[in-house]
PDB file of N, CA and C in Angstrom:
ATOM      1  N   MET A   1     -55.821 -82.358 -95.115  1.00  0.00           N
ATOM      2  CA  MET A   1     -56.261 -83.234 -93.910  1.00  0.00           C
ATOM      3  C   MET A   1     -54.677 -82.822 -93.039  1.00  0.00           C
ATOM      4  N   LYS A   2     -55.213 -82.681 -91.637  1.00  0.00           N
ATOM      5  CA  LYS A   2     -54.160 -82.387 -90.979  1.00  0.00           C
ATOM      6  C   LYS A   2     -52.964 -83.628 -90.341  1.00  0.00           C
ATOM      7  N   HIS A   3     -51.787 -83.465 -90.304  1.00  0.00           N
ATOM      8  CA  HIS A   3     -51.586 -84.796 -89.534  1.00  0.00           C
ATOM      9  C   HIS A   3     -51.627 -84.585 -88.071  1.00  0.00           C
ATOM     10  N   ASN A   4     -50.882 -86.019 -87.498  1.00  0.00           N
ATOM     11  CA  ASN A   4     -51.576 -86.256 -86.344  1.00  0.00           C
ATOM     12  C   ASN A   4     -50.736 -84.873 -85.202  1.00  0.00           C
ATOM     13  N   ALA A   5     -49.592 -84.591 -85.666  1.00  0.00           N
ATOM     14  CA  ALA A   5     -48.949 -83.767 -84.573  1.00  0.00           C
ATOM     15  C   ALA A   5     -49.682 -82.237 -84.586  1.00  0.00           C
ATOM     16  N   ALA A   6     -49.947 -81.999 -85.652  1.00  0.00           N
ATOM     17  CA  ALA A   6     -51.155 -80.850 -85.811  1.00  0.00           C
ATOM     18  C   ALA A   6     -52.530 -81.062 -85.208  1.00  0.00           C
ATOM     19  N   THR A   7     -53.130 -82.084 -85.349  1.00  0.00           N
ATOM     20  CA  THR A   7     -54.268 -82.327 -84.330  1.00  0.00           C
ATOM     21  C   THR A   7     -53.816 -82.280 -82.966  1.00  0.00           C
ATOM     22  N   GLN A   8     -52.938 -82.834 -82.403  1.00  0.00           N
ATOM     23  CA  GLN A   8     -52.460 -82.912 -81.061  1.00  0.00           C
ATOM     24  C   GLN A   8     -52.270 -81.372 -80.671  1.00  0.00           C
ATOM     25  N   ARG A   9     -51.686 -80.622 -81.473  1.00  0.00           N
ATOM     26  CA  ARG A   9     -51.333 -79.177 -81.042  1.00  0.00           C
ATOM     27  C   ARG A   9     -52.321 -78.639 -80.842  1.00  0.00           C
ATOM     28  N   GLU A  10     -53.557 -78.610 -81.862  1.00  0.00           N
ATOM     29  CA  GLU A  10     -54.531 -77.922 -81.735  1.00  0.00           C
ATOM     30  C   GLU A  10     -55.315 -78.519 -80.375  1.00  0.00           C
ATOM     31  N   ARG A  11     -55.499 -79.856 -80.099  1.00  0.00           N
ATOM     32  CA  ARG A  11     -56.512 -80.329 -78.899  1.00  0.00           C
ATOM     33  C   ARG A  11     -55.626 -79.562 -77.444  1.00  0.00           C
ATOM     34  N   ILE A  12     -54.478 -79.458 -77.583  1.00  0.00           N
ATOM     35  CA  ILE A  12     -53.681 -79.053 -76.448  1.00  0.00           C
ATOM     36  C   ILE A  12     -54.056 -77.559 -76.273  1.00  0.00           C
ATOM     37  N   ARG A  13     -53.977 -76.877 -77.546  1.00  0.00           N
ATOM     38  CA  ARG A  13     -54.274 -75.360 -77.210  1.00  0.00           C
ATOM     39  C   ARG A  13     -55.924 -75.187 -76.818  1.00  0.00           C
ATOM     40  N   GLN A  14     -56.438 -75.922 -77.467  1.00  0.00           N
ATOM     41  CA  GLN A  14     -58.113 -75.844 -77.280  1.00  0.00           C
ATOM     42  C   GLN A  14     -58.078 -76.202 -75.832  1.00  0.00           C
ATOM     43  N   TYR A  15     -57.485 -77.205 -75.321  1.00  0.00           N
ATOM     44  CA  TYR A  15     -57.753 -77.399 -73.736  1.00  0.00           C
ATOM     45  C   TYR A  15     -57.171 -76.176 -73.062  1.00  0.00           C
ATOM     46  N   LEU A  16     -56.061 -76.104 -73.246  1.00  0.00           N
ATOM     47  CA  LEU A  16     -55.562 -74.936 -72.555  1.00  0.00           C
ATOM     48  C   LEU A  16     -56.172 -73.569 -72.328  1.00  0.00           C
ATOM     49  N   TYR A  17     -57.126 -73.038 -73.651  1.00  0.00           N
ATOM     50  CA  TYR A  17     -57.467 -71.946 -73.604  1.00  0.00           C
ATOM     51  C   TYR A  17     -59.203 -72.255 -72.863  1.00  0.00           C
ATOM     52  N   SER A  18     -59.520 -73.758 -72.585  1.00  0.00           N
ATOM     53  CA  SER A  18     -60.601 -73.760 -71.878  1.00  0.00           C
ATOM     54  C   SER A  18     -60.431 -74.071 -70.331  1.00  0.00           C
ATOM     55  N   CYS A  19     -59.443 -74.202 -70.120  1.00  0.00           N
ATOM     56  CA  CYS A  19     -58.881 -75.186 -68.702  1.00  0.00           C
ATOM     57  C   CYS A  19     -59.379 -74.267 -67.648  1.00  0.00           C
ATOM     58  N   PRO A  20     -59.909 -74.764 -66.719  1.00  0.00           N
ATOM     59  CA  PRO A  20     -60.336 -73.994 -65.492  1.00  0.00           C
ATOM     60  C   PRO A  20     -59.320 -73.786 -64.356  1.00  0.00           C
ATOM     61  N   HIS A  21     -57.964 -74.311 -64.857  1.00  0.00           N
ATOM     62  CA  HIS A  21     -57.002 -73.988 -63.702  1.00  0.00           C
ATOM     63  C   HIS A  21     -56.030 -72.827 -63.914  1.00  0.00           C
ATOM     64  N   GLY A  22     -56.419 -71.857 -64.829  1.00  0.00           N
ATOM     65  CA  GLY A  22     -55.797 -70.630 -64.697  1.00  0.00           C
ATOM     66  C   GLY A  22     -54.395 -70.654 -65.821  1.00  0.00           C
ATOM     67  N   ALA A  23     -54.496 -71.461 -67.028  1.00  0.00           N
ATOM     68  CA  ALA A  23     -53.760 -71.497 -67.915  1.00  0.00           C
ATOM     69  C   ALA A  23     -53.321 -70.432 -68.857  1.00  0.00           C
ATOM     70  N   THR A  24     -54.497 -69.387 -69.079  1.00  0.00           N
ATOM     71  CA  THR A  24     -54.504 -68.620 -69.701  1.00  0.00           C
ATOM     72  C   THR A  24     -54.936 -66.973 -68.880  1.00  0.00           C
ATOM     73  N   ARG A  25     -54.563 -66.020 -69.640  1.00  0.00           N
ATOM     74  CA  ARG A  25     -55.096 -64.726 -69.257  1.00  0.00           C
ATOM     75  C   ARG A  25     -55.375 -63.971 -69.914  1.00  0.00           C
ATOM     76  N   ASN A  26     -56.436 -63.119 -69.801  1.00  0.00           N
ATOM     77  CA  ASN A  26     -56.781 -61.845 -70.845  1.00  0.00           C
ATOM     78  C   ASN A  26     -56.047 -60.814 -70.637  1.00  0.00           C
ATOM     79  N   GLU A  27     -55.601 -60.069 -71.956  1.00  0.00           N
ATOM     80  CA  GLU A  27     -54.788 -59.099 -72.033  1.00  0.00           C
ATOM     81  C   GLU A  27     -55.321 -58.252 -72.910  1.00  0.00           C
ATOM     82  N   ILE A  28     -54.896 -57.004 -73.012  1.00  0.00           N
ATOM     83  CA  ILE A  28     -55.399 -55.830 -73.809  1.00  0.00           C
ATOM     84  C   ILE A  28     -54.000 -55.657 -74.801  1.00  0.00           C
ATOM     85  N   HIS A  29     -54.218 -56.061 -75.969  1.00  0.00           N
ATOM     86  CA  HIS A  29     -52.985 -56.052 -77.077  1.00  0.00           C
ATOM     87  C   HIS A  29     -52.464 -54.480 -76.761  1.00  0.00           C
ATOM     88  N   ARG A  30     -51.306 -54.125 -77.120  1.00  0.00           N
ATOM     89  CA  ARG A  30     -50.919 -52.556 -77.002  1.00  0.00           C
ATOM     90  C   ARG A  30     -51.104 -51.928 -77.993  1.00  0.00           C
ATOM     91  N   ASP A  31     -50.904 -52.700 -79.222  1.00  0.00           N
ATOM     92  CA  ASP A  31     -51.143 -52.167 -80.637  1.00  0.00           C
ATOM     93  C   ASP A  31     -52.432 -51.790 -81.054  1.00  0.00           C
ATOM     94  N   THR A  32     -53.541 -52.945 -80.949  1.00  0.00           N
ATOM     95  CA  THR A  32     -54.863 -53.145 -81.466  1.00  0.00           C
ATOM     96  C   THR A  32     -55.960 -52.562 -80.404  1.00  0.00           C
ATOM     97  N   GLY A  33     -55.725 -52.619 -79.413  1.00  0.00           N
ATOM     98  CA  GLY A  33     -56.319 -52.620 -78.210  1.00  0.00           C
ATOM     99  C   GLY A  33     -57.459 -53.519 -78.170  1.00  0.00           C
ATOM    100  N   LEU A  34     -57.318 -54.592 -78.524  1.00  0.00           N
ATOM    101  CA  LEU A  34     -58.188 -55.781 -78.514  1.00  0.00           C
ATOM    102  C   LEU A  34     -57.815 -56.582 -77.370  1.00  0.00           C
ATOM    103  N   MET A  35     -58.842 -57.502 -76.896  1.00  0.00           N
ATOM    104  CA  MET A  35     -58.709 -58.310 -75.801  1.00  0.00           C
ATOM    105  C   MET A  35     -58.259 -59.198 -76.276  1.00  0.00           C
ATOM    106  N   VAL A  36     -56.747 -60.277 -75.835  1.00  0.00           N
ATOM    107  CA  VAL A  36     -56.336 -61.128 -76.345  1.00  0.00           C
ATOM    108  C   VAL A  36     -55.987 -62.048 -75.340  1.00  0.00           C
ATOM    109  N   GLN A  37     -56.561 -63.573 -75.356  1.00  0.00           N
ATOM    110  CA  GLN A  37     -56.272 -64.490 -74.603  1.00  0.00           C
ATOM    111  C   GLN A  37     -54.807 -65.153 -74.955  1.00  0.00           C
ATOM    112  N   THR A  38     -54.037 -65.382 -73.852  1.00  0.00           N
ATOM    113  CA  THR A  38     -52.789 -65.677 -73.871  1.00  0.00           C
ATOM    114  C   THR A  38     -52.218 -66.905 -73.000  1.00  0.00           C
ATOM    115  N   LEU A  39     -51.480 -67.717 -73.033  1.00  0.00           N
ATOM    116  CA  LEU A  39     -51.026 -68.679 -72.471  1.00  0.00           C
ATOM    117  C   LEU A  39     -50.154 -68.250 -70.969  1.00  0.00           C
ATOM    118  N   CYS A  40     -50.367 -68.452 -69.828  1.00  0.00           N
ATOM    119  CA  CYS A  40     -49.689 -67.993 -68.755  1.00  0.00           C
ATOM    120  C   CYS A  40     -49.056 -68.949 -68.183  1.00  0.00           C
ATOM    121  N   ARG A  41     -48.985 -70.127 -68.189  1.00  0.00           N
ATOM    122  CA  ARG A  41     -48.659 -71.362 -67.644  1.00  0.00           C
ATOM    123  C   ARG A  41     -47.401 -71.746 -68.445  1.00  0.00           C
ATOM    124  N   ARG A  42     -46.358 -72.087 -67.993  1.00  0.00           N
ATOM    125  CA  ARG A  42     -45.233 -72.792 -68.810  1.00  0.00           C
ATOM    126  C   ARG A  42     -45.649 -74.449 -69.154  1.00  0.00           C
ATOM    127  N   LEU A  43     -45.216 -74.682 -70.142  1.00  0.00           N
ATOM    128  CA  LEU A  43     -45.050 -76.297 -70.394  1.00  0.00           C
ATOM    129  C   LEU A  43     -44.804 -77.183 -69.163  1.00  0.00           C
ATOM    130  N   ARG A  44     -43.501 -76.711 -68.577  1.00  0.00           N
ATOM    131  CA  ARG A  44     -43.057 -77.615 -67.706  1.00  0.00           C
ATOM    132  C   ARG A  44     -44.037 -77.889 -66.323  1.00  0.00           C
ATOM    133  N   GLU A  45     -44.739 -76.462 -65.897  1.00  0.00           N
ATOM    134  CA  GLU A  45     -46.128 -76.588 -64.895  1.00  0.00           C
ATOM    135  C   GLU A  45     -47.130 -77.235 -65.442  1.00  0.00           C
ATOM    136  N   LEU A  46     -47.585 -77.106 -66.708  1.00  0.00           N
ATOM    137  CA  LEU A  46     -48.585 -78.038 -66.997  1.00  0.00           C
ATOM    138  C   LEU A  46     -48.377 -79.696 -66.941  1.00  0.00           C
ATOM    139  N   GLU A  47     -47.155 -79.835 -67.409  1.00  0.00           N
ATOM    140  CA  GLU A  47     -46.546 -81.409 -67.252  1.00  0.00           C
ATOM    141  C   GLU A  47     -46.548 -81.731 -65.942  1.00  0.00           C
ATOM    142  N   ASP A  48     -46.151 -81.146 -64.788  1.00  0.00           N
ATOM    143  CA  ASP A  48     -45.981 -81.074 -63.258  1.00  0.00           C
ATOM    144  C   ASP A  48     -47.618 -81.461 -62.762  1.00  0.00           C
ATOM    145  N   LEU A  49     -48.346 -80.721 -63.454  1.00  0.00           N
ATOM    146  CA  LEU A  49     -49.866 -80.732 -63.042  1.00  0.00           C
ATOM    147  C   LEU A  49     -50.389 -81.923 -63.708  1.00  0.00           C
ATOM    148  N   LYS A  50     -49.906 -82.751 -64.420  1.00  0.00           N
ATOM    149  CA  LYS A  50     -50.412 -83.658 -65.267  1.00  0.00           C
ATOM    150  C   LYS A  50     -51.502 -83.753 -66.260  1.00  0.00           C
ATOM    151  N   HIS A  51     -51.486 -82.338 -66.984  1.00  0.00           N
ATOM    152  CA  HIS A  51     -52.520 -82.051 -68.058  1.00  0.00           C
ATOM    153  C   HIS A  51     -51.931 -82.402 -69.299  1.00  0.00           C
ATOM    154  N   ILE A  52     -50.682 -82.317 -69.643  1.00  0.00           N
ATOM    155  CA  ILE A  52     -50.303 -82.835 -70.801  1.00  0.00           C
ATOM    156  C   ILE A  52     -48.834 -83.670 -70.390  1.00  0.00           C
ATOM    157  N   THR A  53     -48.544 -84.341 -71.344  1.00  0.00           N
ATOM    158  CA  THR A  53     -47.482 -85.341 -71.351  1.00  0.00           C
ATOM    159  C   THR A  53     -46.156 -85.101 -72.122  1.00  0.00           C
ATOM    160  N   ALA A  54     -45.005 -85.275 -71.887  1.00  0.00           N
ATOM    161  CA  ALA A  54     -44.020 -85.565 -73.035  1.00  0.00           C
ATOM    162  C   ALA A  54     -44.314 -86.538 -74.127  1.00  0.00           C
ATOM    163  N   TRP A  55     -44.663 -86.422 -75.064  1.00  0.00           N
ATOM    164  CA  TRP A  55     -44.720 -87.808 -75.952  1.00  0.00           C
ATOM    165  C   TRP A  55     -43.582 -88.233 -76.754  1.00  0.00           C
ATOM    166  N   ARG A  56     -42.798 -87.272 -77.437  1.00  0.00           N
ATOM    167  CA  ARG A  56     -41.658 -87.772 -78.057  1.00  0.00           C
ATOM    168  C   ARG A  56     -40.991 -86.844 -78.050  1.00  0.00           C
ATOM    169  N   ARG A  57     -39.254 -86.723 -78.615  1.00  0.00           N
ATOM    170  CA  ARG A  57     -38.526 -85.729 -78.906  1.00  0.00           C
ATOM    171  C   ARG A  57     -38.122 -86.181 -80.363  1.00  0.00           C
ATOM    172  N   VAL A  58     -37.986 -84.713 -80.855  1.00  0.00           N
ATOM    173  CA  VAL A  58     -37.903 -84.600 -82.398  1.00  0.00           C
ATOM    174  C   VAL A  58     -36.746 -83.629 -82.828  1.00  0.00           C
ATOM    175  N   ILE A  59     -36.047 -83.883 -83.606  1.00  0.00           N
ATOM    176  CA  ILE A  59     -35.119 -82.885 -84.007  1.00  0.00           C
ATOM    177  C   ILE A  59     -35.405 -82.272 -85.361  1.00  0.00           C
ATOM    178  N   CYS A  60     -35.584 -80.988 -85.053  1.00  0.00           N
ATOM    179  CA  CYS A  60     -35.871 -79.770 -86.656  1.00  0.00           C
ATOM    180  C   CYS A  60     -35.077 -80.425 -87.605  1.00  0.00           C
ATOM    181  N   PRO A  61     -35.683 -80.602 -88.654  1.00  0.00           N
ATOM    182  CA  PRO A  61     -34.833 -80.788 -89.939  1.00  0.00           C
ATOM    183  C   PRO A  61     -34.010 -79.501 -90.302  1.00  0.00           C
ATOM    184  N   GLU A  62     -34.806 -78.334 -89.917  1.00  0.00           N
ATOM    185  CA  GLU A  62     -34.243 -76.901 -90.569  1.00  0.00           C
ATOM    186  C   GLU A  62     -33.068 -76.378 -89.640  1.00  0.00           C
ATOM    187  N   THR A  63     -33.355 -76.705 -88.272  1.00  0.00           N
ATOM    188  CA  THR A  63     -32.418 -75.841 -87.262  1.00  0.00           C
ATOM    189  C   THR A  63     -31.645 -76.824 -86.512  1.00  0.00           C
ATOM    190  N   GLY A  64     -32.106 -77.820 -86.580  1.00  0.00           N
ATOM    191  CA  GLY A  64     -31.191 -78.969 -85.822  1.00  0.00           C
ATOM    192  C   GLY A  64     -31.369 -79.004 -84.482  1.00  0.00           C
ATOM    193  N   VAL A  65     -32.342 -78.162 -83.933  1.00  0.00           N
ATOM    194  CA  VAL A  65     -32.808 -78.128 -82.390  1.00  0.00           C
ATOM    195  C   VAL A  65     -33.519 -79.338 -81.893  1.00  0.00           C
ATOM    196  N   LEU A  66     -33.378 -79.772 -80.903  1.00  0.00           N
ATOM    197  CA  LEU A  66     -34.345 -81.002 -80.259  1.00  0.00           C
ATOM    198  C   LEU A  66     -35.418 -80.344 -79.717  1.00  0.00           C
ATOM    199  N   ASN A  67     -36.516 -80.645 -80.261  1.00  0.00           N
ATOM    200  CA  ASN A  67     -37.771 -80.316 -79.551  1.00  0.00           C
ATOM    201  C   ASN A  67     -38.654 -81.401 -78.832  1.00  0.00           C
ATOM    202  N   LYS A  68     -39.470 -81.028 -77.962  1.00  0.00           N
ATOM    203  CA  LYS A  68     -40.324 -82.106 -77.408  1.00  0.00           C
ATOM    204  C   LYS A  68     -41.954 -81.726 -77.782  1.00  0.00           C
ATOM    205  N   ASN A  69     -42.227 -83.032 -78.398  1.00  0.00           N
ATOM    206  CA  ASN A  69     -43.775 -83.045 -78.877  1.00  0.00           C
ATOM    207  C   ASN A  69     -44.884 -83.438 -77.482  1.00  0.00           C
ATOM    208  N   TYR A  70     -45.683 -82.576 -77.256  1.00  0.00           N
ATOM    209  CA  TYR A  70     -46.550 -82.989 -75.914  1.00  0.00           C
ATOM    210  C   TYR A  70     -47.963 -83.617 -76.490  1.00  0.00           C
ATOM    211  N   ARG A  71     -48.594 -84.012 -75.627  1.00  0.00           N
ATOM    212  CA  ARG A  71     -49.937 -84.572 -75.861  1.00  0.00           C
ATOM    213  C   ARG A  71     -50.976 -84.567 -74.665  1.00  0.00           C
ATOM    214  N   LEU A  72     -51.775 -84.155 -74.662  1.00  0.00           N
ATOM    215  CA  LEU A  72     -53.071 -84.285 -73.555  1.00  0.00           C
ATOM    216  C   LEU A  72     -53.010 -85.616 -72.959  1.00  0.00           C
ATOM    217  N   THR A  73     -52.795 -85.795 -71.469  1.00  0.00           N
ATOM    218  CA  THR A  73     -52.777 -86.910 -70.652  1.00  0.00           C
ATOM    219  C   THR A  73     -54.432 -87.639 -70.879  1.00  0.00           C
ATOM    220  N   GLY A  74     -54.388 -88.871 -70.616  1.00  0.00           N
ATOM    221  CA  GLY A  74     -55.705 -89.714 -70.910  1.00  0.00           C
ATOM    222  C   GLY A  74     -56.832 -89.008 -70.292  1.00  0.00           C
ATOM    223  N   ASN A  75     -56.783 -88.536 -68.965  1.00  0.00           N
ATOM    224  CA  ASN A  75     -58.080 -88.017 -68.579  1.00  0.00           C
ATOM    225  C   ASN A  75     -58.444 -86.854 -69.081  1.00  0.00           C
ATOM    226  N   GLN A  76     -57.437 -85.763 -69.455  1.00  0.00           N
ATOM    227  CA  GLN A  76     -57.703 -84.664 -70.290  1.00  0.00           C
ATOM    228  C   GLN A  76     -58.343 -84.921 -71.802  1.00  0.00           C
ATOM    229  N   ARG A  77     -57.780 -85.887 -72.692  1.00  0.00           N
ATOM    230  CA  ARG A  77     -58.355 -86.359 -73.709  1.00  0.00           C
ATOM    231  C   ARG A  77     -59.770 -86.882 -73.423  1.00  0.00           C
ATOM    232  N   ALA A  78     -59.781 -87.788 -72.451  1.00  0.00           N
ATOM    233  CA  ALA A  78     -61.404 -88.109 -72.317  1.00  0.00           C
ATOM    234  C   ALA A  78     -62.380 -86.948 -71.957  1.00  0.00           C
ATOM    235  N   ALA A  79     -61.966 -85.842 -71.052  1.00  0.00           N
ATOM    236  CA  ALA A  79     -62.700 -84.620 -71.075  1.00  0.00           C
ATOM    237  C   ALA A  79     -63.030 -83.980 -72.162  1.00  0.00           C
ATOM    238  N   MET A  80     -62.030 -83.943 -73.014  1.00  0.00           N
ATOM    239  CA  MET A  80     -62.227 -83.433 -74.296  1.00  0.00           C
ATOM    240  C   MET A  80     -63.154 -83.822 -75.196  1.00  0.00           C
ATOM    241  N   THR A  81     -62.936 -85.348 -75.334  1.00  0.00           N
ATOM    242  CA  THR A  81     -63.993 -86.039 -75.890  1.00  0.00           C
ATOM    243  C   THR A  81     -65.487 -85.852 -75.577  1.00  0.00           C
ATOM    244  N   ARG A  82     -65.585 -86.067 -74.124  1.00  0.00           N
ATOM    245  CA  ARG A  82     -67.046 -85.997 -73.730  1.00  0.00           C
ATOM    246  C   ARG A  82     -67.566 -84.456 -73.696  1.00  0.00           C
ATOM    247  N   LYS A  83     -66.424 -83.422 -73.807  1.00  0.00           N
ATOM    248  CA  LYS A  83     -67.358 -82.047 -74.057  1.00  0.00           C
ATOM    249  C   LYS A  83     -67.677 -82.246 -75.525  1.00  0.00           C
ATOM    250  N   ALA A  84     -66.848 -82.635 -76.523  1.00  0.00           N
ATOM    251  CA  ALA A  84     -67.295 -82.487 -77.983  1.00  0.00           C
ATOM    252  C   ALA A  84     -68.487 -83.428 -78.181  1.00  0.00           C
ATOM    253  N   GLY A  85     -68.435 -84.430 -77.612  1.00  0.00           N
ATOM    254  CA  GLY A  85     -69.972 -85.345 -77.671  1.00  0.00           C
ATOM    255  C   GLY A  85     -71.075 -84.553 -77.408  1.00  0.00           C
ATOM    256  N   ARG A  86     -71.027 -83.639 -76.349  1.00  0.00           N
ATOM    257  CA  ARG A  86     -72.040 -82.807 -75.767  1.00  0.00           C
ATOM    258  C   ARG A  86     -72.670 -81.828 -76.350  1.00  0.00           C
ATOM    259  N   ALA A  87     -71.502 -81.191 -77.031  1.00  0.00           N
ATOM    260  CA  ALA A  87     -71.776 -80.143 -78.102  1.00  0.00           C
ATOM    261  C   ALA A  87     -72.404 -80.565 -79.509  1.00  0.00           C
ATOM    262  N   ALA A  88     -72.061 -81.486 -79.480  1.00  0.00           N
ATOM    263  CA  ALA A  88     -72.490 -81.977 -81.139  1.00  0.00           C
ATOM    264  C   ALA A  88     -74.361 -82.536 -81.016  1.00  0.00           C
TER     265      ALA A  88
END
């Protein structure tokens, strides 16, 4: 079972890849020649657009680096829930 941070990360990734605001772009991978969808917006931009919000600060136990955990804002979570409900 996934822990909460992994679930949040997956929800954010899923939202960004289906986001109508140009958060991703399609590129052809140099080595494989396959079409790859990549993120093209920075986290700061998405935070400014109110799509995601900083949730908490966490110090990595291995590197000691201070990281921010993000989550979808309330409106985006509601939209994802509605979309999942329609798909089921």
